[in-house]
Protein backbone atom coordinates (compact mmCIF):
# COMPACT_ATOMS: atom_id res chain seq x y z
CA MET A 1 5.99 -19.49 -29.37
CA ALA A 2 4.23 -18.38 -26.30
CA ASP A 3 0.65 -17.02 -26.73
CA PHE A 4 1.73 -13.62 -25.53
CA GLU A 5 5.49 -12.28 -25.92
CA MET A 6 7.35 -9.03 -25.03
CA LYS A 7 10.79 -9.35 -26.60
CA ASN A 8 13.92 -6.87 -26.03
CA ILE A 9 11.93 -4.13 -24.29
CA SER A 10 14.13 -1.14 -23.28
CA LYS A 11 13.31 2.02 -21.80
CA SER A 12 15.13 5.01 -20.34
CA PHE A 13 14.52 7.94 -18.67
CA PRO A 14 16.70 10.71 -17.61
CA GLY A 15 19.52 9.35 -15.40
CA VAL A 16 17.81 5.79 -15.19
CA LYS A 17 17.68 2.82 -17.67
CA ALA A 18 14.41 1.31 -16.36
CA LEU A 19 14.11 -1.75 -18.82
CA ASP A 20 17.31 -3.16 -20.58
CA HIS A 21 16.45 -5.66 -23.26
CA ALA A 22 13.92 -7.15 -21.28
CA ASP A 23 11.70 -10.45 -22.15
CA PHE A 24 8.38 -11.54 -20.89
CA GLN A 25 6.21 -14.38 -21.88
CA ALA A 26 2.99 -16.38 -21.03
CA ASN A 27 0.39 -18.59 -22.22
CA LYS A 28 -3.26 -18.39 -22.16
CA GLY A 29 -4.74 -19.61 -18.78
CA GLU A 30 -1.49 -18.64 -16.85
CA ILE A 31 -1.30 -16.78 -13.79
CA VAL A 32 2.22 -15.52 -14.12
CA ALA A 33 4.00 -13.67 -11.00
CA LEU A 34 6.36 -10.63 -11.89
CA LEU A 35 8.49 -10.37 -9.16
CA GLY A 36 11.29 -7.76 -8.36
CA GLU A 37 12.19 -5.15 -5.85
CA ASN A 38 10.94 -1.66 -6.12
CA GLY A 39 12.59 -0.04 -9.28
CA ALA A 40 13.43 -3.44 -10.76
CA GLY A 41 11.42 -2.27 -14.05
CA LYS A 42 8.19 -4.25 -13.50
CA SER A 43 5.93 -1.12 -13.39
CA THR A 44 7.80 0.18 -16.55
CA LEU A 45 7.18 -3.08 -18.45
CA ILE A 46 3.34 -2.80 -17.29
CA LYS A 47 3.16 0.55 -18.61
CA VAL A 48 4.91 -0.29 -21.88
CA LEU A 49 2.50 -2.98 -22.44
CA CYS A 50 -0.45 -0.58 -21.27
CA GLY A 51 0.58 2.15 -23.49
CA GLU A 52 1.77 4.46 -21.32
CA HIS A 53 5.21 4.46 -22.25
CA LYS A 54 6.77 4.06 -25.53
CA PRO A 55 9.81 1.58 -25.49
CA ASP A 56 13.19 2.55 -26.81
CA THR A 57 13.45 -1.13 -28.32
CA GLY A 58 11.28 -4.05 -28.58
CA GLU A 59 8.29 -5.73 -29.82
CA ILE A 60 5.13 -7.20 -28.50
CA PHE A 61 3.31 -10.31 -29.78
CA PHE A 62 -0.17 -11.83 -29.00
CA GLU A 63 -1.31 -15.07 -30.71
CA GLY A 64 1.48 -14.73 -33.11
CA LYS A 65 0.24 -11.27 -34.15
CA LYS A 66 2.57 -8.05 -33.59
CA LEU A 67 0.75 -5.48 -31.40
CA ASN A 68 1.04 -1.65 -32.26
CA ILE A 69 -0.12 0.04 -29.12
CA HIS A 70 0.19 3.83 -29.19
CA GLY A 71 -1.75 4.86 -26.05
CA THR A 72 -3.88 3.39 -23.12
CA ARG A 73 -6.83 3.35 -25.12
CA SER A 74 -5.26 1.44 -28.01
CA ALA A 75 -4.10 -1.23 -25.37
CA ILE A 76 -7.48 -1.45 -24.01
CA ILE A 77 -9.16 -2.13 -27.32
CA GLN A 78 -6.53 -4.80 -28.16
CA GLY A 79 -7.69 -6.49 -24.88
CA ILE A 80 -4.96 -5.41 -22.38
CA THR A 81 -6.25 -3.97 -19.06
CA ALA A 82 -4.68 -3.14 -15.72
CA VAL A 83 -5.20 -2.52 -12.10
CA TYR A 84 -2.42 -0.49 -11.06
CA GLN A 85 -1.23 0.01 -7.53
CA GLU A 86 -1.65 3.80 -7.48
CA LEU A 87 -5.55 4.49 -7.83
CA SER A 88 -6.69 6.51 -10.74
CA LEU A 89 -10.30 7.07 -9.80
CA VAL A 90 -11.84 10.58 -9.75
CA ALA A 91 -13.13 11.59 -6.08
CA ASP A 92 -15.75 13.77 -7.09
CA LEU A 93 -17.61 11.65 -9.55
CA THR A 94 -19.80 8.83 -8.59
CA VAL A 95 -19.00 4.84 -8.31
CA GLU A 96 -21.02 4.48 -11.63
CA GLU A 97 -19.53 7.32 -13.34
CA ASN A 98 -15.82 5.99 -12.70
CA LEU A 99 -16.61 2.47 -13.62
CA PHE A 100 -17.23 3.39 -17.16
CA LEU A 101 -15.23 6.60 -17.31
CA GLY A 102 -14.12 7.21 -21.19
CA PHE A 103 -16.16 4.24 -22.30
CA TYR A 104 -19.68 5.62 -21.84
CA ASP A 105 -22.09 4.12 -24.61
CA THR A 106 -23.30 7.50 -25.98
CA LYS A 107 -24.15 5.87 -29.78
CA LYS A 108 -27.78 6.54 -29.58
CA THR A 109 -28.44 9.77 -28.34
CA GLY A 110 -24.95 11.30 -28.16
CA VAL A 111 -25.30 11.87 -24.35
CA VAL A 112 -24.73 9.40 -21.33
CA SER A 113 -27.95 7.50 -20.43
CA TYR A 114 -27.87 7.40 -16.55
CA GLU A 115 -30.47 4.45 -16.57
CA GLU A 116 -28.23 2.52 -18.91
CA LEU A 117 -25.14 3.27 -16.83
CA THR A 118 -26.65 2.01 -13.68
CA LYS A 119 -28.06 -1.02 -15.43
CA LYS A 120 -24.46 -1.93 -16.48
CA VAL A 121 -22.85 -1.04 -13.30
CA GLN A 122 -25.63 -3.82 -11.23
CA GLU A 123 -24.72 -6.34 -13.56
CA LEU A 124 -21.08 -5.92 -12.91
CA PHE A 125 -21.70 -5.78 -9.17
CA ASN A 126 -24.04 -8.90 -9.59
CA ARG A 127 -21.23 -11.02 -11.57
CA TYR A 128 -18.57 -10.38 -9.34
CA HIS A 129 -20.57 -10.67 -6.18
CA VAL A 130 -20.04 -6.89 -5.03
CA THR A 131 -21.95 -5.85 -2.01
CA GLY A 132 -21.90 -2.81 0.45
CA ILE A 133 -20.80 -0.06 -2.28
CA ASN A 134 -23.41 2.47 -3.42
CA PRO A 135 -23.11 2.92 -6.81
CA LYS A 136 -24.47 6.43 -6.53
CA ALA A 137 -21.71 7.37 -3.99
CA LYS A 138 -19.13 9.85 -4.45
CA VAL A 139 -15.70 7.85 -4.85
CA GLY A 140 -14.14 10.61 -2.43
CA THR A 141 -16.44 8.91 0.50
CA LEU A 142 -15.27 5.74 0.41
CA THR A 143 -12.70 3.83 2.08
CA LEU A 144 -9.28 2.90 0.46
CA PRO A 145 -10.27 -0.63 0.07
CA GLN A 146 -13.60 0.00 -1.57
CA ARG A 147 -11.64 2.11 -3.86
CA GLN A 148 -9.27 -0.71 -4.71
CA MET A 149 -12.16 -2.77 -5.39
CA LEU A 150 -13.61 -0.39 -7.84
CA GLU A 151 -10.07 -0.15 -9.74
CA ILE A 152 -10.49 -3.98 -10.14
CA LEU A 153 -14.10 -3.72 -11.41
CA LYS A 154 -13.26 -1.12 -13.75
CA ALA A 155 -10.47 -3.41 -15.25
CA LEU A 156 -12.94 -6.28 -15.13
CA SER A 157 -15.59 -4.29 -17.51
CA LYS A 158 -13.21 -4.03 -20.24
CA ASN A 159 -13.51 -7.89 -21.17
CA GLY A 160 -9.83 -7.94 -21.90
CA GLU A 161 -7.74 -11.14 -22.91
CA ILE A 162 -4.62 -10.05 -20.76
CA PHE A 163 -5.31 -8.68 -17.31
CA ILE A 164 -2.54 -7.23 -15.05
CA PHE A 165 -2.76 -6.93 -11.17
CA ASP A 166 -0.12 -4.54 -9.87
CA GLU A 167 -0.40 -4.69 -6.04
CA ALA A 168 -4.00 -4.95 -6.19
CA THR A 169 -4.50 -7.11 -2.92
CA SER A 170 -2.27 -4.29 -1.05
CA ALA A 171 -5.17 -2.27 0.07
CA LEU A 172 -7.57 -5.00 0.83
CA SER A 173 -8.68 -7.06 3.80
CA ASP A 174 -8.08 -10.93 3.96
CA ARG A 175 -11.64 -11.44 2.81
CA GLN A 176 -11.55 -9.04 0.03
CA ALA A 177 -8.23 -10.31 -1.20
CA ASN A 178 -9.74 -13.93 -1.37
CA TRP A 179 -12.49 -12.39 -3.35
CA LEU A 180 -10.03 -11.01 -5.81
CA LEU A 181 -7.91 -14.46 -6.14
CA ASN A 182 -11.15 -16.30 -6.75
CA ILE A 183 -12.00 -13.83 -9.51
CA ILE A 184 -8.29 -14.41 -11.05
CA ARG A 185 -8.93 -18.20 -10.53
CA GLN A 186 -11.88 -17.92 -12.77
CA LEU A 187 -10.39 -15.73 -15.48
CA SER A 188 -7.31 -18.33 -15.72
CA LYS A 189 -10.02 -20.66 -16.57
CA GLU A 190 -11.44 -18.51 -19.20
CA GLY A 191 -8.35 -18.78 -20.78
CA LYS A 192 -7.28 -15.23 -19.87
CA ILE A 193 -3.40 -14.40 -19.26
CA ILE A 194 -2.90 -12.79 -15.76
CA ILE A 195 -0.09 -10.79 -14.94
CA PHE A 196 0.24 -10.90 -10.82
CA ILE A 197 2.48 -8.37 -8.95
CA SER A 198 2.66 -8.57 -5.08
CA HIS A 199 5.26 -8.76 -2.78
CA ARG A 200 2.96 -11.02 -0.64
CA LEU A 201 4.84 -14.14 -1.36
CA ASP A 202 1.92 -16.28 0.33
CA GLU A 203 -0.20 -15.14 -2.40
CA ILE A 204 1.92 -15.78 -5.23
CA LYS A 205 2.59 -19.40 -4.32
CA LYS A 206 -1.30 -19.67 -3.32
CA ILE A 207 -2.22 -18.59 -6.99
CA CYS A 208 0.45 -18.57 -9.54
CA SER A 209 1.47 -21.33 -11.91
CA LYS A 210 5.00 -19.58 -12.85
CA VAL A 211 7.23 -16.75 -11.77
CA ILE A 212 9.13 -14.39 -13.68
CA VAL A 213 11.73 -12.23 -11.85
CA TYR A 214 13.15 -8.99 -12.75
CA ARG A 215 16.16 -7.29 -11.60
CA ALA A 216 17.81 -3.77 -12.54
CA GLY A 217 15.73 -3.59 -15.63
CA LYS A 218 16.29 -7.24 -16.92
CA ASP A 219 14.53 -10.59 -16.56
CA VAL A 220 17.08 -13.00 -14.22
CA ALA A 221 14.41 -15.97 -14.00
CA ASP A 222 11.58 -17.66 -15.50
CA LEU A 223 10.43 -20.89 -13.60
CA PRO A 224 7.56 -22.79 -12.82
CA MET A 225 5.99 -21.97 -9.35
CA GLU A 226 6.69 -25.27 -7.61
CA GLU A 227 10.30 -24.97 -8.40
CA ALA A 228 10.47 -21.67 -6.45
CA ASP A 229 11.03 -21.41 -2.71
CA SER A 230 10.59 -18.12 -0.84
CA ASP A 231 14.39 -17.60 -0.13
CA GLN A 232 15.51 -18.34 -3.51
CA LEU A 233 12.83 -15.73 -4.96
CA VAL A 234 14.22 -13.18 -2.43
CA LYS A 235 17.75 -13.83 -3.63
CA LEU A 236 16.81 -13.45 -7.14
CA MET A 237 15.01 -10.42 -6.51
CA LEU A 238 17.77 -8.88 -4.65
CA GLY A 239 20.82 -10.59 -6.30
CA ARG A 240 21.89 -11.47 -2.61
CA GLU A 241 20.99 -13.32 0.52
CA ILE A 242 18.63 -11.41 2.89
CA GLY A 243 19.36 -11.94 6.60
CA GLY A 244 16.54 -12.19 8.81
CA TYR A 245 13.43 -10.74 7.38
CA TYR A 246 12.46 -9.45 10.55
CA PRO A 247 14.67 -7.67 12.93
CA GLU A 248 15.26 -9.64 16.31
CA LYS A 249 12.33 -8.41 18.60
CA GLU A 250 13.55 -6.50 21.82
CA THR A 251 11.69 -4.64 24.39
CA PHE A 252 12.75 -0.72 24.83
CA THR A 253 9.42 0.06 26.67
CA LYS A 254 9.84 2.77 29.48
CA ASP A 255 7.37 3.73 32.19
CA GLU A 256 6.74 7.18 30.76
CA ILE A 257 3.16 7.44 29.18
CA LEU A 258 3.31 9.46 25.59
CA VAL A 259 -0.28 9.04 24.87
CA SER A 260 -3.38 8.56 27.12
CA MET A 261 -6.61 8.25 25.71
CA LYS A 262 -9.60 8.04 28.11
CA ASN A 263 -13.32 7.08 26.83
CA VAL A 264 -12.42 8.49 23.50
CA SER A 265 -15.30 8.00 20.86
CA SER A 266 -15.75 9.38 17.41
CA SER A 267 -19.03 9.36 15.22
CA HIS A 268 -20.20 5.58 15.45
CA LYS A 269 -17.08 4.15 14.22
CA LEU A 270 -14.86 4.45 17.50
CA LYS A 271 -16.12 3.76 21.03
CA GLU A 272 -15.03 4.62 24.52
CA ILE A 273 -11.19 3.83 23.72
CA ASP A 274 -8.80 3.60 26.75
CA MET A 275 -5.29 3.17 25.85
CA GLU A 276 -1.84 4.08 26.57
CA ILE A 277 1.15 4.47 24.30
CA ARG A 278 4.47 4.31 26.34
CA ALA A 279 8.04 5.63 25.26
CA GLY A 280 9.82 3.16 23.31
CA GLU A 281 6.83 0.94 22.89
CA ILE A 282 5.57 -0.32 19.53
CA LEU A 283 2.05 -0.76 20.13
CA GLY A 284 0.07 -2.84 17.53
CA ILE A 285 -3.56 -2.25 16.38
CA GLY A 286 -4.88 -5.52 15.15
CA GLY A 287 -8.56 -6.97 14.15
CA LEU A 288 -10.43 -7.46 11.03
CA ALA A 289 -10.14 -4.50 8.48
CA GLY A 290 -12.93 -1.61 8.97
CA GLN A 291 -13.38 -2.04 12.74
CA GLY A 292 -12.34 1.64 13.70
CA GLN A 293 -8.48 1.21 13.32
CA ASN A 294 -8.38 4.09 10.64
CA GLU A 295 -10.67 6.34 12.82
CA LEU A 296 -8.38 5.76 15.65
CA PHE A 297 -5.19 6.81 14.06
CA SER A 298 -7.28 9.76 12.14
CA VAL A 299 -8.26 11.09 15.90
CA LEU A 300 -4.70 11.04 17.15
CA PHE A 301 -3.62 13.11 13.91
CA GLY A 302 -6.41 15.68 14.43
CA LEU A 303 -8.28 14.43 11.18
CA ARG A 304 -11.56 13.76 13.07
CA PRO A 305 -13.39 15.31 15.90
CA TYR A 306 -13.65 13.26 18.90
CA LYS A 307 -15.28 13.25 22.45
CA GLY A 308 -13.43 12.18 25.68
CA GLU A 309 -9.92 12.77 26.72
CA ILE A 310 -6.43 12.77 25.22
CA LYS A 311 -3.39 13.63 27.18
CA ILE A 312 0.09 13.82 25.40
CA LYS A 313 3.01 13.39 28.28
CA GLY A 314 0.50 13.99 31.10
CA LYS A 315 -1.17 17.13 29.59
CA PRO A 316 -4.57 17.31 28.29
CA VAL A 317 -4.99 18.36 24.83
CA ASN A 318 -7.23 19.23 21.87
CA LEU A 319 -6.16 17.61 18.66
CA LYS A 320 -8.43 19.75 16.47
CA ASN A 321 -6.09 19.45 13.41
CA PRO A 322 -3.19 17.84 11.94
CA ARG A 323 -0.99 21.25 12.90
CA ARG A 324 -1.77 20.85 16.46
CA SER A 325 -1.04 17.26 16.42
CA ILE A 326 2.46 18.03 14.88
CA ARG A 327 2.85 20.69 17.36
CA GLU A 328 2.19 17.97 20.33
CA GLY A 329 4.82 15.82 18.88
CA ILE A 330 2.73 13.37 16.69
CA THR A 331 3.08 12.56 13.20
CA LEU A 332 1.36 10.10 10.80
CA ILE A 333 2.77 7.91 7.92
CA PRO A 334 -0.56 7.13 5.97
CA GLU A 335 -1.72 4.06 3.94
CA ASP A 336 -2.11 6.14 0.55
CA ARG A 337 1.09 7.74 -0.26
CA GLY A 338 -0.33 9.07 -3.30
CA LEU A 339 -3.36 11.00 -2.04
CA GLN A 340 -2.16 11.49 1.51
CA GLY A 341 1.44 10.95 2.01
CA ALA A 342 3.22 12.62 -0.51
CA SER A 343 2.88 15.47 -3.43
CA LEU A 344 3.81 13.65 -6.53
CA ASN A 345 4.44 16.65 -8.60
CA GLN A 346 7.14 18.29 -6.22
CA SER A 347 10.53 17.26 -5.63
CA ILE A 348 11.70 14.97 -2.97
CA ARG A 349 13.37 17.90 -1.44
CA GLU A 350 10.12 20.09 -1.19
CA ASN A 351 8.15 16.82 0.10
CA ILE A 352 10.78 16.21 2.90
CA VAL A 353 10.68 20.01 4.20
CA MET A 354 6.90 20.76 3.84
CA ALA A 355 5.86 19.51 7.21
CA ALA A 356 9.10 20.73 8.99
CA LEU A 357 9.29 24.33 8.01
CA ASN A 358 9.49 25.36 11.74
CA ARG A 359 12.86 23.60 11.71
CA ILE A 360 14.42 25.45 8.70
CA THR A 361 12.76 28.87 9.00
CA LYS A 362 13.86 32.16 11.04
CA GLY A 363 11.08 34.74 10.62
CA LEU A 364 10.37 34.89 6.97
CA PHE A 365 13.28 33.29 5.83
CA ILE A 366 14.48 29.83 4.99
CA SER A 367 18.01 28.67 5.87
CA ASP A 368 19.30 26.76 2.88
CA LYS A 369 21.76 25.13 4.99
CA LYS A 370 19.20 23.69 7.38
CA GLU A 371 17.07 22.82 4.44
CA LYS A 372 20.11 20.71 2.88
CA ASP A 373 21.00 19.09 5.89
CA ILE A 374 17.72 17.75 6.90
CA VAL A 375 17.01 16.77 3.32
CA ASP A 376 20.46 14.84 3.05
CA GLU A 377 19.70 13.31 6.35
CA MET A 378 16.59 11.81 5.25
CA VAL A 379 17.52 10.73 1.73
CA HIS A 380 20.61 8.91 3.27
CA ALA A 381 18.59 7.43 6.21
CA PHE A 382 16.25 5.92 4.18
CA SER A 383 18.51 5.13 0.95
CA ILE A 384 16.10 6.95 -1.37
CA LYS A 385 17.10 6.26 -4.94
CA ALA A 386 16.81 8.96 -7.16
CA GLU A 387 19.33 11.21 -9.62
CA SER A 388 19.07 13.93 -7.00
CA PRO A 389 16.91 15.58 -4.40
CA GLU A 390 15.26 17.59 -7.16
CA THR A 391 13.74 14.52 -8.68
CA LEU A 392 9.99 14.50 -8.89
CA VAL A 393 8.39 12.02 -6.53
CA GLY A 394 5.93 11.01 -9.09
CA THR A 395 8.74 9.50 -11.17
CA LEU A 396 10.13 7.34 -8.41
CA SER A 397 9.01 3.78 -7.84
CA GLY A 398 6.50 2.88 -5.14
CA GLY A 399 8.92 1.83 -2.59
CA ASN A 400 11.23 4.85 -2.85
CA GLN A 401 7.64 7.23 -2.63
CA GLN A 402 6.95 5.38 0.45
CA LYS A 403 10.53 6.24 1.78
CA VAL A 404 9.95 10.09 0.94
CA VAL A 405 6.77 9.92 2.93
CA LEU A 406 8.66 8.32 5.82
CA GLY A 407 11.37 11.08 5.39
CA LYS A 408 8.67 13.91 5.31
CA GLN A 409 7.07 12.81 8.52
CA LEU A 410 10.10 11.97 10.48
CA ALA A 411 11.85 15.17 9.46
CA THR A 412 9.39 16.98 11.81
CA ASN A 413 11.49 15.22 14.77
CA PRO A 414 8.29 13.72 16.50
CA ASP A 415 7.87 11.78 19.57
CA ILE A 416 4.95 9.60 18.59
CA LEU A 417 4.64 7.97 15.24
CA LEU A 418 1.25 6.74 14.01
CA MET A 419 2.16 4.13 11.19
CA PHE A 420 -0.64 2.89 9.08
CA ASP A 421 0.16 0.09 6.87
CA ILE A 422 3.51 1.77 5.89
CA THR A 423 4.81 -1.22 3.60
CA ARG A 424 1.83 -1.67 1.75
CA GLY A 425 3.08 -2.44 -1.95
CA VAL A 426 6.78 -2.09 -1.08
CA ASP A 427 9.50 -4.94 -1.76
CA VAL A 428 11.06 -7.34 0.70
CA GLY A 429 14.25 -5.20 0.81
CA THR A 430 12.61 -1.99 1.69
CA LYS A 431 10.09 -3.73 4.13
CA LYS A 432 13.30 -4.99 6.07
CA ASP A 433 14.87 -1.59 6.25
CA MET A 434 11.31 -0.09 7.37
CA PHE A 435 11.18 -2.97 10.11
CA GLU A 436 14.56 -1.73 11.16
CA THR A 437 13.47 2.06 11.09
CA VAL A 438 10.59 1.04 13.53
CA LYS A 439 12.78 -0.64 15.79
CA LYS A 440 15.66 2.07 15.80
CA TYR A 441 13.00 4.97 16.58
CA ALA A 442 11.49 2.43 19.62
CA LYS A 443 15.12 2.36 20.88
CA GLU A 444 15.31 6.25 20.82
CA GLY A 445 12.18 6.45 22.99
CA LYS A 446 9.55 7.15 20.65
CA GLY A 447 6.12 5.98 20.76
CA ILE A 448 5.03 4.04 18.00
CA LEU A 449 1.31 3.08 16.96
CA PHE A 450 1.72 0.37 14.18
CA TYR A 451 -1.10 -0.89 11.94
CA SER A 452 -0.70 -3.41 9.26
CA THR A 453 -3.23 -5.27 7.08
CA ASP A 454 -0.45 -8.10 7.05
CA MET A 455 -0.89 -9.96 10.61
CA GLU A 456 2.65 -11.42 10.33
CA GLU A 457 4.01 -7.99 10.34
CA LEU A 458 1.89 -7.18 13.76
CA VAL A 459 3.12 -10.65 15.26
CA ASN A 460 6.74 -9.68 14.49
CA VAL A 461 7.09 -6.29 15.04
CA CYS A 462 4.97 -5.14 18.07
CA ASN A 463 5.65 -5.48 21.62
CA ARG A 464 1.85 -5.27 22.69
CA ILE A 465 -1.28 -5.71 20.48
CA ILE A 466 -4.68 -4.10 20.67
CA VAL A 467 -7.45 -5.89 18.93
CA VAL A 468 -10.13 -3.45 17.67
CA ASN A 469 -13.84 -4.78 16.91
CA GLU A 470 -16.54 -2.79 16.11
CA GLY A 471 -14.94 0.44 17.22
CA ARG A 472 -14.14 -0.96 20.84
CA ILE A 473 -11.06 -2.77 22.10
CA ALA A 474 -11.82 -6.35 22.35
CA GLY A 475 -8.74 -7.41 24.09
CA ILE A 476 -4.98 -6.77 24.44
CA LEU A 477 -2.14 -9.41 23.52
CA TYR A 478 1.12 -9.18 25.38
CA GLU A 479 4.31 -10.48 24.21
CA ASN A 480 4.08 -14.19 24.87
CA ASP A 481 0.35 -14.36 23.50
CA ILE A 482 1.01 -12.39 20.56
CA SER A 483 0.20 -14.91 17.32
CA ARG A 484 -1.71 -14.42 14.24
CA ALA A 485 -4.27 -17.07 15.72
CA ASN A 486 -4.58 -15.40 18.92
CA ILE A 487 -5.45 -11.88 16.85
CA LEU A 488 -8.16 -13.60 14.82
CA ARG A 489 -9.53 -15.23 18.02
CA VAL A 490 -10.08 -12.04 19.95
CA SER A 491 -11.22 -10.42 16.84
CA VAL A 492 -14.17 -12.80 16.80
CA GLY A 493 -14.70 -12.65 20.47
CA GLU A 494 -13.09 -15.94 21.63
CA SER A 495 -10.31 -16.21 24.43
CA VAL A 496 -6.57 -16.42 23.78
CA THR A 497 -4.58 -19.44 23.96
CA GLY A 498 -0.67 -19.80 24.46
CA GLY A 499 -0.52 -19.31 28.60
CA GLY A 500 1.16 -15.80 28.08
CA ALA A 501 0.91 -13.55 31.15
CA GLY A 502 -1.60 -10.58 31.27
CA SER A 503 -3.60 -11.07 28.29
CA GLU A 504 -6.95 -9.46 28.17
CA THR A 505 -10.09 -10.02 26.48
CA ARG A 506 -13.28 -7.84 27.01
């Protein structure tokens, strides 16, 4: 018998059997990869373990003892803690208030001692070598990677025996991801059990000792990491072979300039940006995380004030708010689908038409036919898996939520697509579909600005890459010089290698 076992776990929701007599087992010190495409049952299994869902059938054992989990607090008390893909922090509370929310020590006085809280937070920061985050800052003022780090620290503060990391590296920079992987290795040495969910197969191979694959709510494989190669794992996840992961790279770039930026600056993060996006071009934005990429996208979508000149199709514009950007044919697919991209408490239909009301209204009235046509088009185009368009977005898998975000933004029929880390936390099959979508829109003459924390995506998807460093353009890579190594070289101020024509460093 393994140290930890979940046996015969089933869980159904209206119209969906999320888990079908599934099993999972691990021993102390093991780092187990839990793989499967979005909707395979991974998140449901984790939520059963963490007390968020009550299973229809099944039992859970740890060290030979049956666990009775009846709620999230019950799970934490029994040594089970998780870092979820979707963040659970409270934006209006401070960092230190969030880290121990629900677990404040009030035994002595009946009220929270902020002096004691500050001390505990500093000890936590020191133990895990966290710098650059102000414990007194409101969480709403932090970047997404910083918020993800807080979610990780929040879980680590519980001193559990079983740790679940659900796409915990998807919002982190390479440096931050390595920080987390080193922590996980240390937890393994301490005899903890780690369940590691990631769609980044390179991370899985680097850190995990074995892999369990789920498909359609069932466990279909349990094998040592050294016996699993990438093609085999993808086939196990999808139940079929998957052709080229990235579509064949083609160039559809035209002479027409859709966006022109001259000497554009914003606060201290973006400095004197000169760049153009052409029709049919997939223009990548590279560089180390936090160098102004977010601010560049925010300026173009009217979320951030700026100085300098922006022209859309040759016409000077003032992108003072998102409404104006949408009117000029610009749309943004953001990194944080839960907070920025979708309304989780509304239906697929309501989300998709939310930004495209001008296409379905005449005067004060909504055309039911136009609404249905647009919703059906987007559900079909992105293969959104749901019982009906009335399904609440919050009940969908992460990949299907991201597809809804894509459908919502592309329903506006934009000419310029701002795609900011759109594949974060989605499975390999969905990523492949998204890459095909990017190529399809480029072929139609759309201009695409594409950023990803995964440099391999930039290398395999983009026609040209602008590398940003400290808010400035550090260099530009053209087709023949695009490589991961060259992106890194330009990021740190070095010259590129490779011999391609037209590469620029600044």
